[in-house]
């Protein structure tokens, strides 16, 4: 019961902390005169990804590599299948292919790069720094390109900021930001501890916990944003937020995580995969990876269906949202061995 309490408490704190952080940071930025475009491109995406960031770092600090990597992979899959699926089920999501082309291609490229680095087990400190630098380059290029007159992508990013309503004075916004950070940090600690205990208690891998419970928990801010956007008739904002969040998750979270705690997803000769990598410390051993082909395949298929639905008919219809949700339910059933697992 204690582990369940830790998980539930962690999820609540992550959701509340993430919401306070986004609201507070956006409020501070507006008081300081930052444009809605820049707020939507940076603060909203970063704020909704903060639970994933802190949870992944906390998991690596505790030696739970499976939870860290599973969190990012699971969050990106959940963002597409669960978050977009739920938003489309409430109201069809109108898509603008031109506005989504650049960010969508960046998300696709980042996901392919992520899969390749996982395959070759290459998350060392240098890789982490490169990932983070790629994120910085993407943000700078986006700001420059979005400032052009008539930019469709700029409308999407501006809409992401406008969905966050803030009317607090500067001092209260600062207080909300600080409280949000504290909630996320403490919630991540509780969630990782409870998730690790649960994995040991029921005999399933920490990766599955990261891909499911932890990933859903850290994706709650995106889910809330999607539902709020749909209710307010701005469901297209949810799609832009998910794409931005997925880019942040891969390049930002995995980048910072690997730079701070270089890790391996391969267990070799009983070595601790959470320890910093050293040349020749281990050999690549197929079958000992913490990440299965099923997990990589689920992430890839979620991208395929997102692009298919978004670029055909120029909207994600309710029935397509149901397909995405059904796909997520199937993936979770496979992950927990409720039906035969693919790829071991």
C-alpha atoms as a PDB file:
ATOM      1  CA  UNK A   1       0.000   0.000   0.000  1.00  0.00           C
ATOM      2  CA  UNK A   2       2.905   2.354   0.710  1.00  0.00           C
ATOM      3  CA  UNK A   3       4.217   2.028  -2.854  1.00  0.00           C
ATOM      4  CA  UNK A   4       0.754   2.796  -4.254  1.00  0.00           C
ATOM      5  CA  UNK A   5       0.535   5.863  -2.025  1.00  0.00           C
ATOM      6  CA  UNK A   6       3.948   6.994  -3.258  1.00  0.00           C
ATOM      7  CA  UNK A   7       2.920   6.586  -6.897  1.00  0.00           C
ATOM      8  CA  UNK A   8      -0.427   8.360  -6.467  1.00  0.00           C
ATOM      9  CA  UNK A   9       1.177  11.150  -4.430  1.00  0.00           C
ATOM     10  CA  UNK A  10       3.909  11.528  -7.021  1.00  0.00           C
ATOM     11  CA  UNK A  11       1.413  11.733  -9.874  1.00  0.00           C
ATOM     12  CA  UNK A  12      -0.661  14.365  -8.075  1.00  0.00           C
ATOM     13  CA  UNK A  13       2.402  16.477  -7.302  1.00  0.00           C
ATOM     14  CA  UNK A  14       3.703  16.162 -10.869  1.00  0.00           C
ATOM     15  CA  UNK A  15       0.374  17.273 -12.315  1.00  0.00           C
ATOM     16  CA  UNK A  16      -0.070  20.148  -9.867  1.00  0.00           C
ATOM     17  CA  UNK A  17       3.589  21.154 -10.042  1.00  0.00           C
ATOM     18  CA  UNK A  18       3.647  21.090 -13.833  1.00  0.00           C
ATOM     19  CA  UNK A  19       0.517  23.213 -14.024  1.00  0.00           C
ATOM     20  CA  UNK A  20       1.840  25.758 -11.510  1.00  0.00           C
ATOM     21  CA  UNK A  21       5.204  25.915 -13.268  1.00  0.00           C
ATOM     22  CA  UNK A  22       3.675  26.602 -16.681  1.00  0.00           C
ATOM     23  CA  UNK A  23       1.236  29.157 -15.298  1.00  0.00           C
ATOM     24  CA  UNK A  24       3.861  30.892 -13.195  1.00  0.00           C
ATOM     25  CA  UNK A  25       6.612  30.984 -15.825  1.00  0.00           C
ATOM     26  CA  UNK A  26       4.239  32.219 -18.527  1.00  0.00           C
ATOM     27  CA  UNK A  27       2.959  34.894 -16.133  1.00  0.00           C
ATOM     28  CA  UNK A  28       6.506  36.057 -15.389  1.00  0.00           C
ATOM     29  CA  UNK A  29       7.397  36.087 -19.094  1.00  0.00           C
ATOM     30  CA  UNK A  30       4.370  38.201 -19.967  1.00  0.00           C
ATOM     31  CA  UNK A  31       5.107  40.666 -17.188  1.00  0.00           C
ATOM     32  CA  UNK A  32       8.634  40.994 -18.571  1.00  0.00           C
ATOM     33  CA  UNK A  33       7.320  41.653 -22.081  1.00  0.00           C
ATOM     34  CA  UNK A  34       8.183  38.345 -23.800  1.00  0.00           C
ATOM     35  CA  UNK A  35       6.208  37.744 -26.996  1.00  0.00           C
ATOM     36  CA  UNK A  36       3.451  35.133 -27.156  1.00  0.00           C
ATOM     37  CA  UNK A  37       5.378  33.426 -29.962  1.00  0.00           C
ATOM     38  CA  UNK A  38       8.487  32.951 -27.838  1.00  0.00           C
ATOM     39  CA  UNK A  39       6.419  31.896 -24.824  1.00  0.00           C
ATOM     40  CA  UNK A  40       4.611  29.227 -26.822  1.00  0.00           C
ATOM     41  CA  UNK A  41       7.786  27.966 -28.476  1.00  0.00           C
ATOM     42  CA  UNK A  42       9.878  27.710 -25.320  1.00  0.00           C
ATOM     43  CA  UNK A  43       8.135  28.040 -21.963  1.00  0.00           C
ATOM     44  CA  UNK A  44       4.960  26.076 -22.701  1.00  0.00           C
ATOM     45  CA  UNK A  45       6.845  23.194 -24.318  1.00  0.00           C
ATOM     46  CA  UNK A  46       9.527  23.173 -21.652  1.00  0.00           C
ATOM     47  CA  UNK A  47       7.029  23.573 -18.823  1.00  0.00           C
ATOM     48  CA  UNK A  48       4.838  20.656 -19.878  1.00  0.00           C
ATOM     49  CA  UNK A  49       7.993  18.527 -20.312  1.00  0.00           C
ATOM     50  CA  UNK A  50       9.415  19.448 -16.918  1.00  0.00           C
ATOM     51  CA  UNK A  51       7.867  16.415 -15.151  1.00  0.00           C
ATOM     52  CA  UNK A  52       9.587  14.115 -17.669  1.00  0.00           C
ATOM     53  CA  UNK A  53      12.883  15.975 -17.222  1.00  0.00           C
ATOM     54  CA  UNK A  54      12.993  15.795 -13.435  1.00  0.00           C
ATOM     55  CA  UNK A  55      11.656  12.229 -13.328  1.00  0.00           C
ATOM     56  CA  UNK A  56      14.283  10.983 -15.803  1.00  0.00           C
ATOM     57  CA  UNK A  57      17.117  12.685 -13.907  1.00  0.00           C
ATOM     58  CA  UNK A  58      15.821  11.347 -10.581  1.00  0.00           C
ATOM     59  CA  UNK A  59      15.542   7.831 -12.025  1.00  0.00           C
ATOM     60  CA  UNK A  60      19.122   7.917 -13.320  1.00  0.00           C
ATOM     61  CA  UNK A  61      20.359   9.285 -10.005  1.00  0.00           C
ATOM     62  CA  UNK A  62      18.723   6.269  -8.341  1.00  0.00           C
ATOM     63  CA  UNK A  63      20.176   3.869 -10.926  1.00  0.00           C
ATOM     64  CA  UNK A  64      16.784   3.156 -12.526  1.00  0.00           C
ATOM     65  CA  UNK A  65      17.797   3.445 -16.183  1.00  0.00           C
ATOM     66  CA  UNK A  66      14.700   1.581 -17.367  1.00  0.00           C
ATOM     67  CA  UNK A  67      12.373   4.105 -15.737  1.00  0.00           C
ATOM     68  CA  UNK A  68      14.321   7.032 -17.220  1.00  0.00           C
ATOM     69  CA  UNK A  69      14.419   5.792 -20.814  1.00  0.00           C
ATOM     70  CA  UNK A  70      10.983   4.200 -20.585  1.00  0.00           C
ATOM     71  CA  UNK A  71       9.597   7.507 -19.312  1.00  0.00           C
ATOM     72  CA  UNK A  72      10.695   9.418 -22.415  1.00  0.00           C
ATOM     73  CA  UNK A  73       9.712   6.704 -24.901  1.00  0.00           C
ATOM     74  CA  UNK A  74       6.420   6.081 -23.135  1.00  0.00           C
ATOM     75  CA  UNK A  75       5.631   9.784 -22.804  1.00  0.00           C
ATOM     76  CA  UNK A  76       6.173  10.418 -26.514  1.00  0.00           C
ATOM     77  CA  UNK A  77       3.993   7.443 -27.408  1.00  0.00           C
ATOM     78  CA  UNK A  78       1.325   8.500 -24.897  1.00  0.00           C
ATOM     79  CA  UNK A  79       1.422  12.098 -26.157  1.00  0.00           C
ATOM     80  CA  UNK A  80       0.393  10.917 -29.611  1.00  0.00           C
ATOM     81  CA  UNK A  81      -1.917   7.983 -28.921  1.00  0.00           C
ATOM     82  CA  UNK A  82      -3.454   9.056 -25.604  1.00  0.00           C
ATOM     83  CA  UNK A  83      -3.260  12.869 -25.578  1.00  0.00           C
ATOM     84  CA  UNK A  84      -4.074  13.511 -29.246  1.00  0.00           C
ATOM     85  CA  UNK A  85      -6.556  10.633 -29.227  1.00  0.00           C
ATOM     86  CA  UNK A  86      -8.414  12.091 -26.241  1.00  0.00           C
ATOM     87  CA  UNK A  87      -8.407  15.581 -27.727  1.00  0.00           C
ATOM     88  CA  UNK A  88      -9.756  14.375 -31.072  1.00  0.00           C
ATOM     89  CA  UNK A  89     -12.432  12.317 -29.338  1.00  0.00           C
ATOM     90  CA  UNK A  90     -13.759  15.477 -27.656  1.00  0.00           C
ATOM     91  CA  UNK A  91     -13.662  17.523 -30.842  1.00  0.00           C
ATOM     92  CA  UNK A  92     -12.027  16.905 -34.236  1.00  0.00           C
ATOM     93  CA  UNK A  93      -8.577  18.502 -34.462  1.00  0.00           C
ATOM     94  CA  UNK A  94      -8.200  20.772 -37.479  1.00  0.00           C
ATOM     95  CA  UNK A  95      -4.673  20.457 -38.833  1.00  0.00           C
ATOM     96  CA  UNK A  96      -2.621  22.835 -40.957  1.00  0.00           C
ATOM     97  CA  UNK A  97      -0.076  20.737 -42.880  1.00  0.00           C
ATOM     98  CA  UNK A  98       2.046  23.756 -43.762  1.00  0.00           C
ATOM     99  CA  UNK A  99       2.244  24.865 -40.145  1.00  0.00           C
ATOM    100  CA  UNK A 100       3.125  21.386 -38.937  1.00  0.00           C
ATOM    101  CA  UNK A 101       5.594  20.472 -41.680  1.00  0.00           C
ATOM    102  CA  UNK A 102       8.754  21.910 -40.117  1.00  0.00           C
ATOM    103  CA  UNK A 103       8.157  20.885 -36.508  1.00  0.00           C
ATOM    104  CA  UNK A 104       6.737  17.543 -37.596  1.00  0.00           C
ATOM    105  CA  UNK A 105       9.851  16.752 -39.624  1.00  0.00           C
ATOM    106  CA  UNK A 106      12.072  17.817 -36.721  1.00  0.00           C
ATOM    107  CA  UNK A 107      10.121  15.491 -34.419  1.00  0.00           C
ATOM    108  CA  UNK A 108      10.487  12.646 -36.934  1.00  0.00           C
ATOM    109  CA  UNK A 109      14.228  13.264 -37.354  1.00  0.00           C
ATOM    110  CA  UNK A 110      14.742  13.485 -33.578  1.00  0.00           C
ATOM    111  CA  UNK A 111      12.846  10.210 -33.064  1.00  0.00           C
ATOM    112  CA  UNK A 112      14.929   8.412 -35.694  1.00  0.00           C
ATOM    113  CA  UNK A 113      18.127   9.755 -34.121  1.00  0.00           C
ATOM    114  CA  UNK A 114      16.894   8.664 -30.686  1.00  0.00           C
ATOM    115  CA  UNK A 115      16.151   5.143 -31.952  1.00  0.00           C
ATOM    116  CA  UNK A 116      19.576   4.870 -33.595  1.00  0.00           C
ATOM    117  CA  UNK A 117      21.410   5.959 -30.445  1.00  0.00           C
ATOM    118  CA  UNK A 118      19.374   3.471 -28.414  1.00  0.00           C
ATOM    119  CA  UNK A 119      20.158   0.703 -30.899  1.00  0.00           C
ATOM    120  CA  UNK A 120      23.902   1.351 -30.629  1.00  0.00           C
ATOM    121  CA  UNK A 121      23.641   2.067 -26.883  1.00  0.00           C
ATOM    122  CA  UNK A 122      25.397   5.381 -27.331  1.00  0.00           C
ATOM    123  CA  UNK A 123      24.019   7.647 -24.614  1.00  0.00           C
ATOM    124  CA  UNK A 124      27.346   8.950 -23.301  1.00  0.00           C
ATOM    125  CA  UNK A 125      28.123  12.490 -22.176  1.00  0.00           C
ATOM    126  CA  UNK A 126      29.137  13.684 -25.660  1.00  0.00           C
ATOM    127  CA  UNK A 127      25.899  12.373 -27.165  1.00  0.00           C
ATOM    128  CA  UNK A 128      23.920  14.149 -24.450  1.00  0.00           C
ATOM    129  CA  UNK A 129      25.635  17.457 -25.193  1.00  0.00           C
ATOM    130  CA  UNK A 130      25.033  17.027 -28.931  1.00  0.00           C
ATOM    131  CA  UNK A 131      21.329  16.340 -28.318  1.00  0.00           C
ATOM    132  CA  UNK A 132      20.999  19.465 -26.189  1.00  0.00           C
ATOM    133  CA  UNK A 133      22.841  21.613 -28.755  1.00  0.00           C
ATOM    134  CA  UNK A 134      20.498  20.330 -31.464  1.00  0.00           C
ATOM    135  CA  UNK A 135      17.564  21.499 -29.331  1.00  0.00           C
ATOM    136  CA  UNK A 136      19.112  24.960 -28.948  1.00  0.00           C
ATOM    137  CA  UNK A 137      19.721  25.178 -32.716  1.00  0.00           C
ATOM    138  CA  UNK A 138      16.119  24.130 -33.376  1.00  0.00           C
ATOM    139  CA  UNK A 139      14.749  26.784 -31.008  1.00  0.00           C
ATOM    140  CA  UNK A 140      16.911  29.563 -32.444  1.00  0.00           C
ATOM    141  CA  UNK A 141      16.043  28.598 -36.024  1.00  0.00           C
ATOM    142  CA  UNK A 142      12.336  28.398 -35.128  1.00  0.00           C
ATOM    143  CA  UNK A 143      12.331  31.874 -33.596  1.00  0.00           C
ATOM    144  CA  UNK A 144      14.033  33.318 -36.683  1.00  0.00           C
ATOM    145  CA  UNK A 145      11.744  31.540 -39.144  1.00  0.00           C
ATOM    146  CA  UNK A 146       8.562  32.202 -37.144  1.00  0.00           C
ATOM    147  CA  UNK A 147       9.162  35.944 -37.140  1.00  0.00           C
ATOM    148  CA  UNK A 148       8.640  36.023 -40.882  1.00  0.00           C
ATOM    149  CA  UNK A 149       5.382  37.557 -41.984  1.00  0.00           C
ATOM    150  CA  UNK A 150       2.639  35.009 -42.622  1.00  0.00           C
ATOM    151  CA  UNK A 151       4.370  32.124 -40.883  1.00  0.00           C
ATOM    152  CA  UNK A 152       1.809  29.389 -40.192  1.00  0.00           C
ATOM    153  CA  UNK A 153       4.042  27.753 -37.600  1.00  0.00           C
ATOM    154  CA  UNK A 154       4.100  31.044 -35.693  1.00  0.00           C
ATOM    155  CA  UNK A 155       0.310  30.931 -35.406  1.00  0.00           C
ATOM    156  CA  UNK A 156       0.505  27.456 -33.845  1.00  0.00           C
ATOM    157  CA  UNK A 157       3.163  28.476 -31.300  1.00  0.00           C
ATOM    158  CA  UNK A 158       1.319  31.690 -30.444  1.00  0.00           C
ATOM    159  CA  UNK A 159      -1.855  29.663 -29.896  1.00  0.00           C
ATOM    160  CA  UNK A 160       0.007  27.403 -27.456  1.00  0.00           C
ATOM    161  CA  UNK A 161       0.812  30.453 -25.327  1.00  0.00           C
ATOM    162  CA  UNK A 162      -2.653  31.987 -25.574  1.00  0.00           C
ATOM    163  CA  UNK A 163      -4.283  28.861 -24.144  1.00  0.00           C
ATOM    164  CA  UNK A 164      -2.479  29.593 -20.832  1.00  0.00           C
ATOM    165  CA  UNK A 165      -4.473  32.339 -19.104  1.00  0.00           C
ATOM    166  CA  UNK A 166      -2.578  34.326 -16.478  1.00  0.00           C
ATOM    167  CA  UNK A 167      -3.656  37.422 -14.578  1.00  0.00           C
ATOM    168  CA  UNK A 168      -1.421  37.212 -11.506  1.00  0.00           C
ATOM    169  CA  UNK A 169       0.991  39.949 -10.458  1.00  0.00           C
ATOM    170  CA  UNK A 170       4.711  39.334 -10.962  1.00  0.00           C
ATOM    171  CA  UNK A 171       5.413  38.313  -7.351  1.00  0.00           C
ATOM    172  CA  UNK A 172       2.642  35.712  -7.386  1.00  0.00           C
ATOM    173  CA  UNK A 173       3.786  34.326 -10.747  1.00  0.00           C
ATOM    174  CA  UNK A 174       7.287  33.923  -9.330  1.00  0.00           C
ATOM    175  CA  UNK A 175       5.847  32.161  -6.292  1.00  0.00           C
ATOM    176  CA  UNK A 176       3.815  29.832  -8.506  1.00  0.00           C
ATOM    177  CA  UNK A 177       6.936  29.001 -10.526  1.00  0.00           C
ATOM    178  CA  UNK A 178       8.938  28.158  -7.416  1.00  0.00           C
ATOM    179  CA  UNK A 179       6.092  26.108  -5.985  1.00  0.00           C
ATOM    180  CA  UNK A 180       5.706  24.305  -9.304  1.00  0.00           C
ATOM    181  CA  UNK A 181       9.386  23.357  -9.408  1.00  0.00           C
ATOM    182  CA  UNK A 182       9.224  22.084  -5.830  1.00  0.00           C
ATOM    183  CA  UNK A 183       6.114  20.039  -6.612  1.00  0.00           C
ATOM    184  CA  UNK A 184       7.690  18.491  -9.716  1.00  0.00           C
ATOM    185  CA  UNK A 185      10.953  17.636  -7.940  1.00  0.00           C
ATOM    186  CA  UNK A 186       9.258  16.081  -4.911  1.00  0.00           C
ATOM    187  CA  UNK A 187       6.637  14.352  -7.050  1.00  0.00           C
ATOM    188  CA  UNK A 188       9.329  12.823  -9.278  1.00  0.00           C
ATOM    189  CA  UNK A 189      11.113  11.446  -6.232  1.00  0.00           C
ATOM    190  CA  UNK A 190       7.939   9.827  -4.928  1.00  0.00           C
ATOM    191  CA  UNK A 191       6.986   8.440  -8.343  1.00  0.00           C
ATOM    192  CA  UNK A 192      10.402   6.911  -9.063  1.00  0.00           C
ATOM    193  CA  UNK A 193      10.614   5.373  -5.598  1.00  0.00           C
ATOM    194  CA  UNK A 194       7.091   3.972  -5.777  1.00  0.00           C
ATOM    195  CA  UNK A 195       7.579   2.774  -9.358  1.00  0.00           C
ATOM    196  CA  UNK A 196      10.815   0.946  -8.520  1.00  0.00           C
ATOM    197  CA  UNK A 197       9.216  -0.693  -5.478  1.00  0.00           C
ATOM    198  CA  UNK A 198       6.194  -1.754  -7.534  1.00  0.00           C
ATOM    199  CA  UNK A 199       8.398  -3.278 -10.251  1.00  0.00           C
ATOM    200  CA  UNK A 200      10.242  -5.376  -7.670  1.00  0.00           C
ATOM    201  CA  UNK A 201       7.041  -6.355  -5.861  1.00  0.00           C
ATOM    202  CA  UNK A 202       5.134  -7.627  -8.893  1.00  0.00           C
ATOM    203  CA  UNK A 203       8.138  -8.938 -10.821  1.00  0.00           C
ATOM    204  CA  UNK A 204       7.978  -6.743 -13.926  1.00  0.00           C
ATOM    205  CA  UNK A 205      10.765  -4.626 -15.360  1.00  0.00           C
ATOM    206  CA  UNK A 206      11.316  -1.002 -14.401  1.00  0.00           C
ATOM    207  CA  UNK A 207      11.200  -0.202 -18.117  1.00  0.00           C
ATOM    208  CA  UNK A 208       7.560  -1.312 -18.289  1.00  0.00           C
ATOM    209  CA  UNK A 209       6.789   0.876 -15.254  1.00  0.00           C
ATOM    210  CA  UNK A 210       8.540   3.768 -17.000  1.00  0.00           C
ATOM    211  CA  UNK A 211       6.670   3.142 -20.256  1.00  0.00           C
ATOM    212  CA  UNK A 212       3.289   2.979 -18.539  1.00  0.00           C
ATOM    213  CA  UNK A 213       2.601   4.433 -15.091  1.00  0.00           C
ATOM    214  CA  UNK A 214       5.471   6.922 -15.071  1.00  0.00           C
ATOM    215  CA  UNK A 215       4.975   7.950 -18.697  1.00  0.00           C
ATOM    216  CA  UNK A 216       1.251   8.522 -18.242  1.00  0.00           C
ATOM    217  CA  UNK A 217       1.907  10.484 -15.057  1.00  0.00           C
ATOM    218  CA  UNK A 218       4.485  12.771 -16.622  1.00  0.00           C
ATOM    219  CA  UNK A 219       2.237  13.243 -19.694  1.00  0.00           C
ATOM    220  CA  UNK A 220      -0.636  14.537 -17.566  1.00  0.00           C
ATOM    221  CA  UNK A 221       0.211  18.231 -18.256  1.00  0.00           C
ATOM    222  CA  UNK A 222      -0.032  17.579 -22.008  1.00  0.00           C
ATOM    223  CA  UNK A 223      -3.270  15.652 -21.490  1.00  0.00           C
ATOM    224  CA  UNK A 224      -4.773  18.510 -19.477  1.00  0.00           C
ATOM    225  CA  UNK A 225      -3.649  21.021 -22.127  1.00  0.00           C
ATOM    226  CA  UNK A 226      -5.202  18.879 -24.862  1.00  0.00           C
ATOM    227  CA  UNK A 227      -8.551  18.582 -23.088  1.00  0.00           C
ATOM    228  CA  UNK A 228      -8.651  22.281 -22.172  1.00  0.00           C
ATOM    229  CA  UNK A 229      -7.758  23.229 -25.755  1.00  0.00           C
ATOM    230  CA  UNK A 230     -10.484  20.963 -27.133  1.00  0.00           C
ATOM    231  CA  UNK A 231     -13.106  22.354 -24.743  1.00  0.00           C
ATOM    232  CA  UNK A 232     -12.134  25.915 -25.722  1.00  0.00           C
ATOM    233  CA  UNK A 233     -12.403  25.078 -29.417  1.00  0.00           C
ATOM    234  CA  UNK A 234      -8.652  25.260 -29.995  1.00  0.00           C
ATOM    235  CA  UNK A 235      -7.901  21.584 -30.376  1.00  0.00           C
ATOM    236  CA  UNK A 236      -5.261  22.325 -33.034  1.00  0.00           C
ATOM    237  CA  UNK A 237      -3.150  23.872 -30.274  1.00  0.00           C
ATOM    238  CA  UNK A 238      -2.912  20.455 -28.605  1.00  0.00           C
ATOM    239  CA  UNK A 239      -1.251  18.997 -31.699  1.00  0.00           C
ATOM    240  CA  UNK A 240       1.378  21.738 -31.764  1.00  0.00           C
ATOM    241  CA  UNK A 241       1.983  21.278 -28.048  1.00  0.00           C
ATOM    242  CA  UNK A 242       2.477  17.516 -28.426  1.00  0.00           C
ATOM    243  CA  UNK A 243       4.932  17.911 -31.303  1.00  0.00           C
ATOM    244  CA  UNK A 244       6.923  20.500 -29.358  1.00  0.00           C
ATOM    245  CA  UNK A 245       6.830  18.394 -26.201  1.00  0.00           C
ATOM    246  CA  UNK A 246       8.071  15.292 -28.036  1.00  0.00           C
ATOM    247  CA  UNK A 247      11.000  17.261 -29.465  1.00  0.00           C
ATOM    248  CA  UNK A 248      11.830  18.591 -25.984  1.00  0.00           C
ATOM    249  CA  UNK A 249      11.574  15.094 -24.508  1.00  0.00           C
ATOM    250  CA  UNK A 250      14.088  13.556 -26.897  1.00  0.00           C
ATOM    251  CA  UNK A 251      16.612  16.324 -27.476  1.00  0.00           C
ATOM    252  CA  UNK A 252      16.245  18.131 -24.165  1.00  0.00           C
ATOM    253  CA  UNK A 253      15.510  15.467 -21.586  1.00  0.00           C
ATOM    254  CA  UNK A 254      17.627  12.675 -23.047  1.00  0.00           C
ATOM    255  CA  UNK A 255      20.325  15.218 -23.823  1.00  0.00           C
ATOM    256  CA  UNK A 256      20.509  16.654 -20.324  1.00  0.00           C
ATOM    257  CA  UNK A 257      20.089  13.214 -18.733  1.00  0.00           C
ATOM    258  CA  UNK A 258      22.968  11.683 -20.692  1.00  0.00           C
ATOM    259  CA  UNK A 259      25.163  14.738 -20.133  1.00  0.00           C
ATOM    260  CA  UNK A 260      24.635  14.580 -16.365  1.00  0.00           C
ATOM    261  CA  UNK A 261      24.378  10.790 -15.940  1.00  0.00           C
ATOM    262  CA  UNK A 262      25.864   8.910 -18.947  1.00  0.00           C
ATOM    263  CA  UNK A 263      24.085   5.561 -19.043  1.00  0.00           C
ATOM    264  CA  UNK A 264      23.815   2.252 -20.837  1.00  0.00           C
ATOM    265  CA  UNK A 265      20.670   0.322 -21.679  1.00  0.00           C
ATOM    266  CA  UNK A 266      22.699  -2.883 -21.972  1.00  0.00           C
ATOM    267  CA  UNK A 267      23.369  -5.021 -18.914  1.00  0.00           C
ATOM    268  CA  UNK A 268      26.687  -6.812 -19.459  1.00  0.00           C
ATOM    269  CA  UNK A 269      28.533  -9.090 -17.039  1.00  0.00           C
ATOM    270  CA  UNK A 270      26.491  -7.829 -14.118  1.00  0.00           C
ATOM    271  CA  UNK A 271      27.698  -4.250 -14.598  1.00  0.00           C
ATOM    272  CA  UNK A 272      25.601  -1.431 -13.195  1.00  0.00           C
ATOM    273  CA  UNK A 273      24.098   0.289 -16.300  1.00  0.00           C
ATOM    274  CA  UNK A 274      23.626   3.534 -14.360  1.00  0.00           C
ATOM    275  CA  UNK A 275      27.372   4.072 -13.995  1.00  0.00           C
ATOM    276  CA  UNK A 276      29.183   6.427 -16.382  1.00  0.00           C
ATOM    277  CA  UNK A 277      30.335   4.682 -19.526  1.00  0.00           C
ATOM    278  CA  UNK A 278      34.015   3.956 -20.126  1.00  0.00           C
ATOM    279  CA  UNK A 279      35.570   2.791 -23.383  1.00  0.00           C
ATOM    280  CA  UNK A 280      35.706  -0.999 -23.466  1.00  0.00           C
ATOM    281  CA  UNK A 281      33.695  -1.351 -20.251  1.00  0.00           C
ATOM    282  CA  UNK A 282      31.133  -3.593 -21.940  1.00  0.00           C
ATOM    283  CA  UNK A 283      30.232  -5.138 -25.278  1.00  0.00           C
ATOM    284  CA  UNK A 284      26.990  -4.784 -27.221  1.00  0.00           C
ATOM    285  CA  UNK A 285      24.808  -7.737 -26.290  1.00  0.00           C
ATOM    286  CA  UNK A 286      21.531  -8.108 -28.249  1.00  0.00           C
ATOM    287  CA  UNK A 287      18.765  -9.477 -26.042  1.00  0.00           C
ATOM    288  CA  UNK A 288      20.040  -7.786 -22.884  1.00  0.00           C
ATOM    289  CA  UNK A 289      18.697  -4.372 -23.815  1.00  0.00           C
ATOM    290  CA  UNK A 290      16.274  -2.665 -21.451  1.00  0.00           C
ATOM    291  CA  UNK A 291      14.332  -1.472 -24.507  1.00  0.00           C
ATOM    292  CA  UNK A 292      12.583  -3.959 -26.807  1.00  0.00           C
ATOM    293  CA  UNK A 293      11.826  -3.681 -30.497  1.00  0.00           C
ATOM    294  CA  UNK A 294       8.161  -3.630 -29.506  1.00  0.00           C
ATOM    295  CA  UNK A 295       8.673  -0.365 -27.631  1.00  0.00           C
ATOM    296  CA  UNK A 296      10.575   1.250 -30.494  1.00  0.00           C
ATOM    297  CA  UNK A 297       7.981  -0.096 -32.922  1.00  0.00           C
ATOM    298  CA  UNK A 298       5.112   1.372 -30.895  1.00  0.00           C
ATOM    299  CA  UNK A 299       6.751   4.804 -30.982  1.00  0.00           C
ATOM    300  CA  UNK A 300       7.326   4.504 -34.724  1.00  0.00           C
ATOM    301  CA  UNK A 301       3.774   3.369 -35.446  1.00  0.00           C
ATOM    302  CA  UNK A 302       2.334   6.199 -33.349  1.00  0.00           C
ATOM    303  CA  UNK A 303       4.228   8.676 -35.549  1.00  0.00           C
ATOM    304  CA  UNK A 304       3.017   6.931 -38.701  1.00  0.00           C
ATOM    305  CA  UNK A 305      -0.638   7.175 -37.696  1.00  0.00           C
ATOM    306  CA  UNK A 306      -0.236  10.774 -36.504  1.00  0.00           C
ATOM    307  CA  UNK A 307       1.149  11.902 -39.855  1.00  0.00           C
ATOM    308  CA  UNK A 308      -1.381   9.770 -41.748  1.00  0.00           C
ATOM    309  CA  UNK A 309      -4.354  11.254 -39.911  1.00  0.00           C
ATOM    310  CA  UNK A 310      -2.993  14.821 -39.749  1.00  0.00           C
ATOM    311  CA  UNK A 311      -2.151  15.079 -43.427  1.00  0.00           C
ATOM    312  CA  UNK A 312      -5.234  13.363 -44.871  1.00  0.00           C
ATOM    313  CA  UNK A 313      -8.464  15.306 -44.686  1.00  0.00           C
ATOM    314  CA  UNK A 314      -6.672  18.159 -42.878  1.00  0.00           C
ATOM    315  CA  UNK A 315      -8.136  17.066 -39.562  1.00  0.00           C
ATOM    316  CA  UNK A 316      -7.976  14.275 -37.002  1.00  0.00           C
ATOM    317  CA  UNK A 317     -11.561  13.054 -36.794  1.00  0.00           C
ATOM    318  CA  UNK A 318     -13.243  11.503 -33.775  1.00  0.00           C
ATOM    319  CA  UNK A 319     -13.022   8.001 -35.238  1.00  0.00           C
ATOM    320  CA  UNK A 320      -9.302   8.543 -35.809  1.00  0.00           C
ATOM    321  CA  UNK A 321      -8.972   9.634 -32.195  1.00  0.00           C
ATOM    322  CA  UNK A 322     -10.646   6.371 -31.180  1.00  0.00           C
ATOM    323  CA  UNK A 323      -8.128   4.452 -33.316  1.00  0.00           C
ATOM    324  CA  UNK A 324      -5.256   6.208 -31.524  1.00  0.00           C
ATOM    325  CA  UNK A 325      -6.750   5.433 -28.104  1.00  0.00           C
ATOM    326  CA  UNK A 326      -7.352   1.806 -29.091  1.00  0.00           C
ATOM    327  CA  UNK A 327      -3.736   1.598 -30.234  1.00  0.00           C
ATOM    328  CA  UNK A 328      -2.560   2.834 -26.847  1.00  0.00           C
ATOM    329  CA  UNK A 329      -4.742   0.304 -25.025  1.00  0.00           C
ATOM    330  CA  UNK A 330      -3.284  -2.462 -27.206  1.00  0.00           C
ATOM    331  CA  UNK A 331       0.269  -1.301 -26.485  1.00  0.00           C
ATOM    332  CA  UNK A 332      -0.340  -1.283 -22.738  1.00  0.00           C
ATOM    333  CA  UNK A 333      -1.862  -4.771 -22.936  1.00  0.00           C
ATOM    334  CA  UNK A 334       1.252  -5.988 -24.741  1.00  0.00           C
ATOM    335  CA  UNK A 335       3.554  -4.266 -22.256  1.00  0.00           C
ATOM    336  CA  UNK A 336       1.927  -5.982 -19.280  1.00  0.00           C
ATOM    337  CA  UNK A 337       1.826  -9.347 -21.066  1.00  0.00           C
ATOM    338  CA  UNK A 338      -1.973  -9.427 -21.086  1.00  0.00           C
ATOM    339  CA  UNK A 339      -1.497 -10.652 -24.653  1.00  0.00           C
ATOM    340  CA  UNK A 340       1.688 -12.194 -26.118  1.00  0.00           C
ATOM    341  CA  UNK A 341       4.563  -9.705 -26.221  1.00  0.00           C
ATOM    342  CA  UNK A 342       6.337  -9.047 -29.515  1.00  0.00           C
ATOM    343  CA  UNK A 343      10.123  -9.102 -29.652  1.00  0.00           C
ATOM    344  CA  UNK A 344      10.655 -10.392 -26.122  1.00  0.00           C
END
